[in-house]
Each structure stands twice: as C-alpha cells, then as structure tokens.
C-alpha cells in the first residue's frame, strides 16, 4: 500500500493527529462491516436537504471532500455521526460558510481528475474523542488493497481514465459505492497514525463491485499545494 506524503489530519485533541481514541476494528463501501463506534472521528457526513456525501475533517474548521459532491448552495456537516437513523448524543452539526472547488474541476468529466473541494465551516468543531459517516445507514469500513497505477491504467482496467493524480483501490469484492463520495481512503503510516491518502471520486457505472474497475480516489498528495494555499488565504 502506498504511504507517500499526504495531508496530516487534525482529528482529536484527546489522542492527537490521526490517532483515534477508539481504535478501528480493521480485521476486515460494499461488503464492508460496521465500523467500531467513533473509531473514525475525522469522518463527516455532508448534508444539504439530505445526506449526500462524506468528507474528512482536516482542521477544526475545514473539511476535505469531492468536487462532484458540491451541487447545492447550502450545506452542513455532521460530525460524530454513526447511525443516521438515531440521535446518539455526540453529533455536531455545523453549517458550511464557504466552498472552494478546485479551479480545474470539470463537472462534465469526472475522470479528467481534480475531483477535490474544501469546505470552510462557520465555526470550529469541538474536537473530542468522538468527532464521524456515509450512507449505509451506519458508518461502514472495508480493507481495500491499493492497485498500482501501472495496472489500473491498463486498457482492460480504467485505461486513460486513471490519472497519476488518482489512487485506485478495492474492486471485485470490496469497494466504495455512490453514497461514499467525498469520504476518505485512510492509510496507516509507520508512525501508527492514520493519514488521508484519497478522496472517494468515482466507481464503474455498471456497478460498484466490477472486476478490474476498482474505486478511484483523488490522490490527496497531488493537491497539497492547493490545499495549503486555499486554507492559508481563507
């Protein structure tokens, strides 16, 4: 699994960057399993009139998501969301103040890349040991093997749709699906911290679990300059 330079998450004030208080049950999203409660505290639910996408809290007042998720004018993010059918207590709902879509994003061509956006929140999140979900209705997780670009870009795989600014992972038996858009591909580094390697971008139109069509994620490391500049200027 690739573990290159990625954007370090600011996720909890209790355990520190990328270190959840409730460690994930990663013994084993399509064919995933229900995540341990609050084990992905940086995961957020992006909602307009209804839950639409996932996202990642990368600073107390900033969320990273996919550009294709931004289709309405008003959004809120919900942190510490585990079961969307229940009010569990620690959820935080915060309105989005500003939205920054990558300038090279083309909403008519998701496979052209640059499927990344930043959301500035109206106020900072209360960083605690629980402040995370995509639509299942309970937060799901799955171990996804990363597919090397040289394989993913072969003609019988994703071909030219797989860019070097993307990461391919999963497929065939486990993958992300449509409600997972904008959510993170988390990778554990040698320092035992979790990093966000990718932002869920697209799957095969014929289905989420298609052989030789792994889930495609925006490679966060390719956009560090844009992320840093946008956050610094706003």
Protein backbone atom coordinates (compact mmCIF):
# COMPACT_ATOMS: atom_id res chain seq x y z
CA UNK A 1 0.00 0.00 0.00
CA UNK A 2 1.33 3.44 -0.92
CA UNK A 3 2.09 5.69 2.03
CA UNK A 4 3.61 8.76 0.41
CA UNK A 5 3.36 12.38 1.56
CA UNK A 6 -0.25 13.02 2.49
CA UNK A 7 -2.11 15.75 4.33
CA UNK A 8 -1.94 15.17 8.07
CA UNK A 9 -5.35 15.11 9.70
CA UNK A 10 -6.18 17.21 12.72
CA UNK A 11 -8.76 14.91 14.24
CA UNK A 12 -8.91 14.95 18.02
CA UNK A 13 -7.50 16.98 20.84
CA UNK A 14 -7.60 13.92 23.07
CA UNK A 15 -5.35 11.50 21.20
CA UNK A 16 -3.58 13.77 18.69
CA UNK A 17 -3.39 13.96 14.90
CA UNK A 18 -4.59 10.84 13.12
CA UNK A 19 -4.86 8.80 16.31
CA UNK A 20 -8.45 7.90 17.28
CA UNK A 21 -9.37 7.28 20.91
CA UNK A 22 -11.49 4.32 19.77
CA UNK A 23 -9.15 2.25 17.57
CA UNK A 24 -10.80 0.87 14.38
CA UNK A 25 -11.68 -2.81 14.18
CA UNK A 26 -9.78 -3.26 10.93
CA UNK A 27 -9.84 -7.06 10.94
CA UNK A 28 -11.89 -6.78 7.82
CA UNK A 29 -18.43 0.51 0.97
CA UNK A 30 -19.56 -2.71 -0.50
CA UNK A 31 -19.19 -5.89 1.53
CA UNK A 32 -17.72 -3.85 4.34
CA UNK A 33 -18.53 -4.12 8.00
CA UNK A 34 -19.98 -1.72 10.50
CA UNK A 35 -17.23 0.45 11.91
CA UNK A 36 -16.49 0.49 15.61
CA UNK A 37 -18.36 3.40 17.20
CA UNK A 38 -16.40 6.69 16.81
CA UNK A 39 -13.27 4.93 15.53
CA UNK A 40 -13.03 7.30 12.52
CA UNK A 41 -13.53 10.64 14.30
CA UNK A 42 -12.47 12.72 11.28
CA UNK A 43 -15.18 11.26 9.03
CA UNK A 44 -18.09 13.67 8.47
CA UNK A 45 -21.46 13.45 6.77
CA UNK A 46 -22.05 16.19 4.19
CA UNK A 47 -25.71 17.14 4.02
CA UNK A 48 -27.94 19.59 2.15
CA UNK A 49 -31.63 18.67 2.11
CA UNK A 50 -30.49 15.12 2.91
CA UNK A 51 -27.15 13.28 3.39
CA UNK A 52 -25.30 13.44 0.09
CA UNK A 53 -21.61 12.64 0.61
CA UNK A 54 -18.85 12.04 3.08
CA UNK A 55 -15.89 14.20 3.94
CA UNK A 56 -12.81 14.46 6.14
CA UNK A 57 -12.17 16.98 8.91
CA UNK A 58 -8.59 18.14 8.25
CA UNK A 59 -8.60 21.10 10.64
CA UNK A 60 -11.11 22.27 13.27
CA UNK A 61 -12.92 24.43 10.69
CA UNK A 62 -12.01 22.77 7.37
CA UNK A 63 -13.42 19.71 5.59
CA UNK A 64 -11.98 17.93 2.56
CA UNK A 65 -14.46 16.34 0.13
CA UNK A 66 -15.01 15.64 -3.59
CA UNK A 67 -15.81 18.46 -6.02
CA UNK A 68 -18.62 16.45 -7.61
CA UNK A 69 -20.41 16.43 -4.26
CA UNK A 70 -20.98 20.19 -4.40
CA UNK A 71 -24.24 20.65 -6.32
CA UNK A 72 -26.32 22.79 -3.91
CA UNK A 73 -25.79 26.25 -2.41
CA UNK A 74 -26.23 25.37 1.26
CA UNK A 75 -24.55 22.57 3.19
CA UNK A 76 -23.90 21.48 6.71
CA UNK A 77 -21.53 18.86 8.02
CA UNK A 78 -22.36 16.44 10.81
CA UNK A 79 -19.53 15.07 12.94
CA UNK A 80 -19.64 12.03 15.21
CA UNK A 81 -22.45 10.60 13.06
CA UNK A 82 -22.57 6.81 13.30
CA UNK A 83 -26.20 5.75 12.85
CA UNK A 84 -28.21 8.14 10.70
CA UNK A 85 -31.45 6.66 11.97
CA UNK A 86 -30.69 7.60 15.57
CA UNK A 87 -29.86 10.68 17.60
CA UNK A 88 -26.97 9.29 19.63
CA UNK A 89 -25.88 12.39 21.52
CA UNK A 90 -22.35 13.47 20.49
CA UNK A 91 -23.26 14.59 16.94
CA UNK A 92 -22.20 18.10 15.93
CA UNK A 93 -23.98 19.91 13.10
CA UNK A 94 -22.08 22.88 11.64
CA UNK A 95 -23.05 24.99 8.62
CA UNK A 96 -20.60 25.44 5.74
CA UNK A 97 -19.60 29.08 5.34
CA UNK A 98 -17.56 28.87 2.12
CA UNK A 99 -16.94 26.25 -0.55
CA UNK A 100 -13.75 26.04 -2.61
CA UNK A 101 -13.84 23.74 -5.64
CA UNK A 102 -10.55 23.03 -7.38
CA UNK A 103 -10.25 25.50 -10.29
CA UNK A 104 -9.51 22.76 -12.81
CA UNK A 105 -12.51 20.62 -11.87
CA UNK A 106 -14.86 19.90 -14.81
CA UNK A 107 -18.25 18.63 -13.66
CA UNK A 108 -18.85 17.16 -17.11
CA UNK A 109 -15.74 14.97 -16.88
CA UNK A 110 -15.20 13.27 -13.53
CA UNK A 111 -12.46 11.07 -14.99
CA UNK A 112 -10.47 14.18 -16.00
CA UNK A 113 -9.40 14.48 -12.37
CA UNK A 114 -9.21 17.36 -9.89
CA UNK A 115 -12.25 15.99 -8.06
CA UNK A 116 -11.48 17.74 -4.79
CA UNK A 117 -13.04 20.54 -2.75
CA UNK A 118 -12.51 22.32 0.56
CA UNK A 119 -15.28 23.50 2.87
CA UNK A 120 -14.74 26.29 5.40
CA UNK A 121 -17.05 25.82 8.38
CA UNK A 122 -18.95 28.63 10.11
CA UNK A 123 -17.29 27.68 13.38
CA UNK A 124 -14.65 25.27 14.58
CA UNK A 125 -15.67 21.78 15.55
CA UNK A 126 -15.41 20.74 19.15
CA UNK A 127 -12.51 18.30 18.86
CA UNK A 128 -13.16 15.45 21.25
CA UNK A 129 -12.79 11.67 21.32
CA UNK A 130 -15.82 11.10 19.03
CA UNK A 131 -15.59 13.95 16.46
CA UNK A 132 -17.55 10.88 12.07
CA UNK A 133 -20.36 8.71 8.36
CA UNK A 134 -21.52 7.72 4.64
CA UNK A 135 -24.95 6.36 3.78
CA UNK A 136 -25.42 2.73 4.89
CA UNK A 137 -27.16 3.95 7.33
CA UNK A 138 -24.37 3.04 9.76
CA UNK A 139 -20.79 4.03 9.13
CA UNK A 140 -19.04 1.25 7.19
CA UNK A 141 -15.41 0.32 6.64
CA UNK A 142 -13.54 -2.17 4.45
CA UNK A 143 -9.91 -3.03 3.80
CA UNK A 144 -9.16 -2.07 0.19
CA UNK A 145 -5.94 -3.21 -1.49
CA UNK A 146 -4.33 -0.39 -3.48
CA UNK A 147 -3.98 -1.17 -7.20
CA UNK A 148 -0.77 0.18 -8.72
CA UNK A 149 -1.23 2.87 -11.37
CA UNK A 150 0.59 0.76 -13.98
CA UNK A 151 -2.13 -1.88 -13.57
CA UNK A 152 -5.12 0.42 -13.07
CA UNK A 153 -4.29 2.36 -16.25
CA UNK A 154 -4.20 -0.75 -18.47
CA UNK A 155 -6.76 -0.73 -21.28
CA UNK A 156 -8.91 -3.51 -19.79
CA UNK A 157 -8.90 -1.76 -16.38
CA UNK A 158 -9.56 2.00 -16.20
CA UNK A 159 -7.29 2.88 -19.11
CA UNK A 160 -6.68 6.60 -19.64
CA UNK A 161 -9.33 7.44 -17.03
CA UNK A 162 -6.80 6.51 -14.34
CA UNK A 163 -4.53 9.52 -13.90
CA UNK A 164 -1.38 9.77 -11.80
CA UNK A 165 -3.30 12.23 -9.59
CA UNK A 166 -5.61 9.37 -8.60
CA UNK A 167 -5.39 6.25 -6.44
CA UNK A 168 -7.15 3.02 -7.38
CA UNK A 169 -8.18 0.68 -4.58
CA UNK A 170 -10.55 -2.22 -3.99
CA UNK A 171 -12.95 -3.58 -6.59
CA UNK A 172 -14.33 -7.05 -7.36
CA UNK A 173 -15.30 -7.99 -3.79
CA UNK A 174 -14.96 -4.80 -1.72
CA UNK A 175 -15.29 -1.23 -2.90
CA UNK A 176 -16.77 2.16 -2.22
CA UNK A 177 -20.18 2.97 -3.70
CA UNK A 178 -22.17 6.05 -4.68
CA UNK A 179 -23.06 7.25 -1.17
CA UNK A 180 -19.39 7.12 -0.17
CA UNK A 181 -18.36 10.01 -2.45
CA UNK A 182 -16.10 12.55 -0.82
CA UNK A 183 -15.13 10.24 2.03
CA UNK A 184 -11.53 9.34 2.84
CA UNK A 185 -9.24 6.49 1.86
CA UNK A 186 -7.35 6.13 5.15
CA UNK A 187 -3.87 4.62 5.28
CA UNK A 188 -1.91 3.89 8.44
CA UNK A 189 1.65 5.17 8.39
CA UNK A 190 4.73 3.68 10.02
CA UNK A 191 4.19 6.10 12.90
CA UNK A 192 0.90 4.30 13.65
CA UNK A 193 -1.12 7.38 12.72
CA UNK A 194 -3.86 7.45 10.09
CA UNK A 195 -3.47 9.64 7.01
CA UNK A 196 -5.98 10.52 4.32
CA UNK A 197 -4.47 9.19 1.09
CA UNK A 198 -7.51 9.69 -1.14
CA UNK A 199 -10.93 11.30 -1.58
CA UNK A 200 -13.60 8.96 -2.99
CA UNK A 201 -14.22 10.08 -6.59
CA UNK A 202 -15.88 7.51 -8.88
CA UNK A 203 -16.78 3.86 -9.49
CA UNK A 204 -17.84 1.95 -12.58
CA UNK A 205 -21.24 3.00 -13.92
CA UNK A 206 -22.33 -0.64 -14.23
CA UNK A 207 -21.93 -1.26 -10.53
CA UNK A 208 -19.67 -0.65 -7.54
CA UNK A 209 -18.15 -4.15 -7.48
CA UNK A 210 -17.00 -4.63 -11.07
CA UNK A 211 -13.87 -6.73 -11.75
CA UNK A 212 -10.92 -4.66 -12.99
CA UNK A 213 -12.76 -1.47 -12.08
CA UNK A 214 -11.54 -0.56 -8.59
CA UNK A 215 -12.78 2.53 -6.80
CA UNK A 216 -10.93 5.65 -7.95
CA UNK A 217 -9.86 8.20 -5.36
CA UNK A 218 -8.39 11.68 -5.83
CA UNK A 219 -4.77 11.43 -4.68
CA UNK A 220 -4.53 13.97 -1.84
CA UNK A 221 -0.73 14.23 -2.04
CA UNK A 222 -1.08 15.70 -5.55
CA UNK A 223 -3.10 18.62 -4.20
CA UNK A 224 -1.16 19.61 -1.07
CA UNK A 225 -0.07 23.00 -2.55
CA UNK A 226 -3.67 23.92 -3.46
CA UNK A 227 -4.99 22.76 -0.08
CA UNK A 228 -2.33 24.67 1.85
CA UNK A 229 -2.75 27.84 -0.21
CA UNK A 230 -6.56 27.82 0.00
CA UNK A 231 -6.54 27.33 3.75
CA UNK A 232 -3.85 29.97 4.32
CA UNK A 233 -5.73 32.60 2.27
CA UNK A 234 -9.11 31.96 3.88
